[in-house]
Amino acid sequence: MPRDLFDLPPEKQRIVLVDEAAVRQAQRLIDSCEQCNWEGAEFPFALLLDRLTGSDPRVTDYILEMPAKCPRCTRDILERTLIELA
């Protein structure tokens, strides 16, 4: 695997600020998280954000205005938290 896949230069990185409304929109598409459903949660929350924003997952990182909440256990969901889609 090429090393530059993980070490993108700053000019090739894309940072997306996800506002509260977008976090809530994404949250409605979550069934559970890795904390309460460790067997079923297999996708990182960032994957859902990629789909909603149309961003390229190879170059995009997210900063959440606020964490999403798991609808099942109410724990915080951050960019790298594994989720199960609703």
C-alpha atoms as a PDB file:
ATOM      1  CA  MET A   1       0.000   0.000   0.000  1.00  0.00           C
ATOM      2  CA  PRO A   2       1.496   3.391  -0.935  1.00  0.00           C
ATOM      3  CA  ARG A   3       2.632   5.474   2.004  1.00  0.00           C
ATOM      4  CA  ASP A   4       1.171   8.678   0.540  1.00  0.00           C
ATOM      5  CA  LEU A   5      -2.321   7.218   0.994  1.00  0.00           C
ATOM      6  CA  PHE A   6      -2.046   8.073   4.693  1.00  0.00           C
ATOM      7  CA  ASP A   7       0.227  11.115   4.479  1.00  0.00           C
ATOM      8  CA  LEU A   8      -1.536  13.460   2.112  1.00  0.00           C
ATOM      9  CA  PRO A   9       0.034  16.881   1.757  1.00  0.00           C
ATOM     10  CA  PRO A  10      -2.136  19.680   3.189  1.00  0.00           C
ATOM     11  CA  GLU A  11      -3.061  20.984  -0.250  1.00  0.00           C
ATOM     12  CA  LYS A  12      -4.682  17.621  -1.079  1.00  0.00           C
ATOM     13  CA  GLN A  13      -6.571  17.241   2.204  1.00  0.00           C
ATOM     14  CA  ARG A  14     -10.141  18.412   2.556  1.00  0.00           C
ATOM     15  CA  ILE A  15     -11.504  19.304   5.995  1.00  0.00           C
ATOM     16  CA  VAL A  16     -15.287  19.597   6.232  1.00  0.00           C
ATOM     17  CA  LEU A  17     -17.027  21.243   9.183  1.00  0.00           C
ATOM     18  CA  VAL A  18     -20.280  19.394   9.823  1.00  0.00           C
ATOM     19  CA  ASP A  19     -22.827  21.731  11.387  1.00  0.00           C
ATOM     20  CA  GLU A  20     -25.497  20.718  13.888  1.00  0.00           C
ATOM     21  CA  ALA A  21     -28.226  20.345  11.243  1.00  0.00           C
ATOM     22  CA  ALA A  22     -26.107  17.948   9.165  1.00  0.00           C
ATOM     23  CA  VAL A  23     -25.136  15.953  12.269  1.00  0.00           C
ATOM     24  CA  ARG A  24     -28.830  15.577  13.152  1.00  0.00           C
ATOM     25  CA  GLN A  25     -29.656  14.536   9.580  1.00  0.00           C
ATOM     26  CA  ALA A  26     -26.968  11.845   9.689  1.00  0.00           C
ATOM     27  CA  GLN A  27     -28.038  10.773  13.182  1.00  0.00           C
ATOM     28  CA  ARG A  28     -31.507   9.883  11.877  1.00  0.00           C
ATOM     29  CA  LEU A  29     -29.880   7.271   9.626  1.00  0.00           C
ATOM     30  CA  ILE A  30     -28.166   5.430  12.509  1.00  0.00           C
ATOM     31  CA  ASP A  31     -29.624   2.362  14.169  1.00  0.00           C
ATOM     32  CA  SER A  32     -26.893   1.721  16.754  1.00  0.00           C
ATOM     33  CA  CYS A  33     -23.210   2.197  17.558  1.00  0.00           C
ATOM     34  CA  GLU A  34     -20.228   0.016  18.426  1.00  0.00           C
ATOM     35  CA  GLN A  35     -20.844   0.510  22.153  1.00  0.00           C
ATOM     36  CA  CYS A  36     -24.295  -1.058  22.215  1.00  0.00           C
ATOM     37  CA  ASN A  37     -24.099  -3.274  19.122  1.00  0.00           C
ATOM     38  CA  TRP A  38     -20.500  -4.383  18.692  1.00  0.00           C
ATOM     39  CA  GLU A  39     -21.442  -7.195  16.303  1.00  0.00           C
ATOM     40  CA  GLY A  40     -23.640  -5.158  13.962  1.00  0.00           C
ATOM     41  CA  ALA A  41     -21.825  -1.821  13.886  1.00  0.00           C
ATOM     42  CA  GLU A  42     -19.430  -2.100  10.980  1.00  0.00           C
ATOM     43  CA  PHE A  43     -19.288   1.253   9.195  1.00  0.00           C
ATOM     44  CA  PRO A  44     -17.474   4.356  10.455  1.00  0.00           C
ATOM     45  CA  PHE A  45     -19.735   7.376  10.919  1.00  0.00           C
ATOM     46  CA  ALA A  46     -17.471   9.218   8.452  1.00  0.00           C
ATOM     47  CA  LEU A  47     -18.721   6.886   5.697  1.00  0.00           C
ATOM     48  CA  LEU A  48     -22.256   8.129   6.284  1.00  0.00           C
ATOM     49  CA  LEU A  49     -20.982  11.716   6.231  1.00  0.00           C
ATOM     50  CA  ASP A  50     -19.190  10.994   2.931  1.00  0.00           C
ATOM     51  CA  ARG A  51     -22.468   9.849   1.415  1.00  0.00           C
ATOM     52  CA  LEU A  52     -24.448  12.828   2.728  1.00  0.00           C
ATOM     53  CA  THR A  53     -21.884  15.436   1.682  1.00  0.00           C
ATOM     54  CA  GLY A  54     -20.757  13.771  -1.536  1.00  0.00           C
ATOM     55  CA  SER A  55     -17.168  14.018  -0.335  1.00  0.00           C
ATOM     56  CA  ASP A  56     -14.270  11.808  -1.411  1.00  0.00           C
ATOM     57  CA  PRO A  57     -13.398   9.547   1.544  1.00  0.00           C
ATOM     58  CA  ARG A  58      -9.768   9.289   0.406  1.00  0.00           C
ATOM     59  CA  VAL A  59      -9.057  12.966   1.034  1.00  0.00           C
ATOM     60  CA  THR A  60     -11.806  14.158   3.408  1.00  0.00           C
ATOM     61  CA  ASP A  61     -11.739  14.459   7.187  1.00  0.00           C
ATOM     62  CA  TYR A  62     -14.588  15.832   9.270  1.00  0.00           C
ATOM     63  CA  ILE A  63     -14.890  18.137  12.223  1.00  0.00           C
ATOM     64  CA  LEU A  64     -18.253  17.834  13.938  1.00  0.00           C
ATOM     65  CA  GLU A  65     -19.818  20.922  15.475  1.00  0.00           C
ATOM     66  CA  MET A  66     -21.248  18.514  18.042  1.00  0.00           C
ATOM     67  CA  PRO A  67     -21.219  14.730  18.336  1.00  0.00           C
ATOM     68  CA  ALA A  68     -24.133  12.691  17.071  1.00  0.00           C
ATOM     69  CA  LYS A  69     -25.942  10.541  19.627  1.00  0.00           C
ATOM     70  CA  CYS A  70     -26.692   6.867  19.286  1.00  0.00           C
ATOM     71  CA  PRO A  71     -30.478   6.418  19.211  1.00  0.00           C
ATOM     72  CA  ARG A  72     -30.161   3.157  21.137  1.00  0.00           C
ATOM     73  CA  CYS A  73     -27.731   3.974  23.974  1.00  0.00           C
ATOM     74  CA  THR A  74     -27.358   7.800  23.658  1.00  0.00           C
ATOM     75  CA  ARG A  75     -23.542   7.649  23.674  1.00  0.00           C
ATOM     76  CA  ASP A  76     -21.578  10.132  21.591  1.00  0.00           C
ATOM     77  CA  ILE A  77     -20.807   9.194  18.008  1.00  0.00           C
ATOM     78  CA  LEU A  78     -17.729  10.766  16.470  1.00  0.00           C
ATOM     79  CA  GLU A  79     -16.212  10.531  12.996  1.00  0.00           C
ATOM     80  CA  ARG A  80     -14.472   7.181  13.568  1.00  0.00           C
ATOM     81  CA  THR A  81     -17.194   5.544  15.679  1.00  0.00           C
ATOM     82  CA  LEU A  82     -18.534   2.387  14.062  1.00  0.00           C
ATOM     83  CA  ILE A  83     -22.272   2.411  13.419  1.00  0.00           C
ATOM     84  CA  GLU A  84     -25.044   0.261  12.039  1.00  0.00           C
ATOM     85  CA  LEU A  85     -27.252   2.007   9.525  1.00  0.00           C
ATOM     86  CA  ALA A  86     -31.002   2.172  10.087  1.00  0.00           C
END
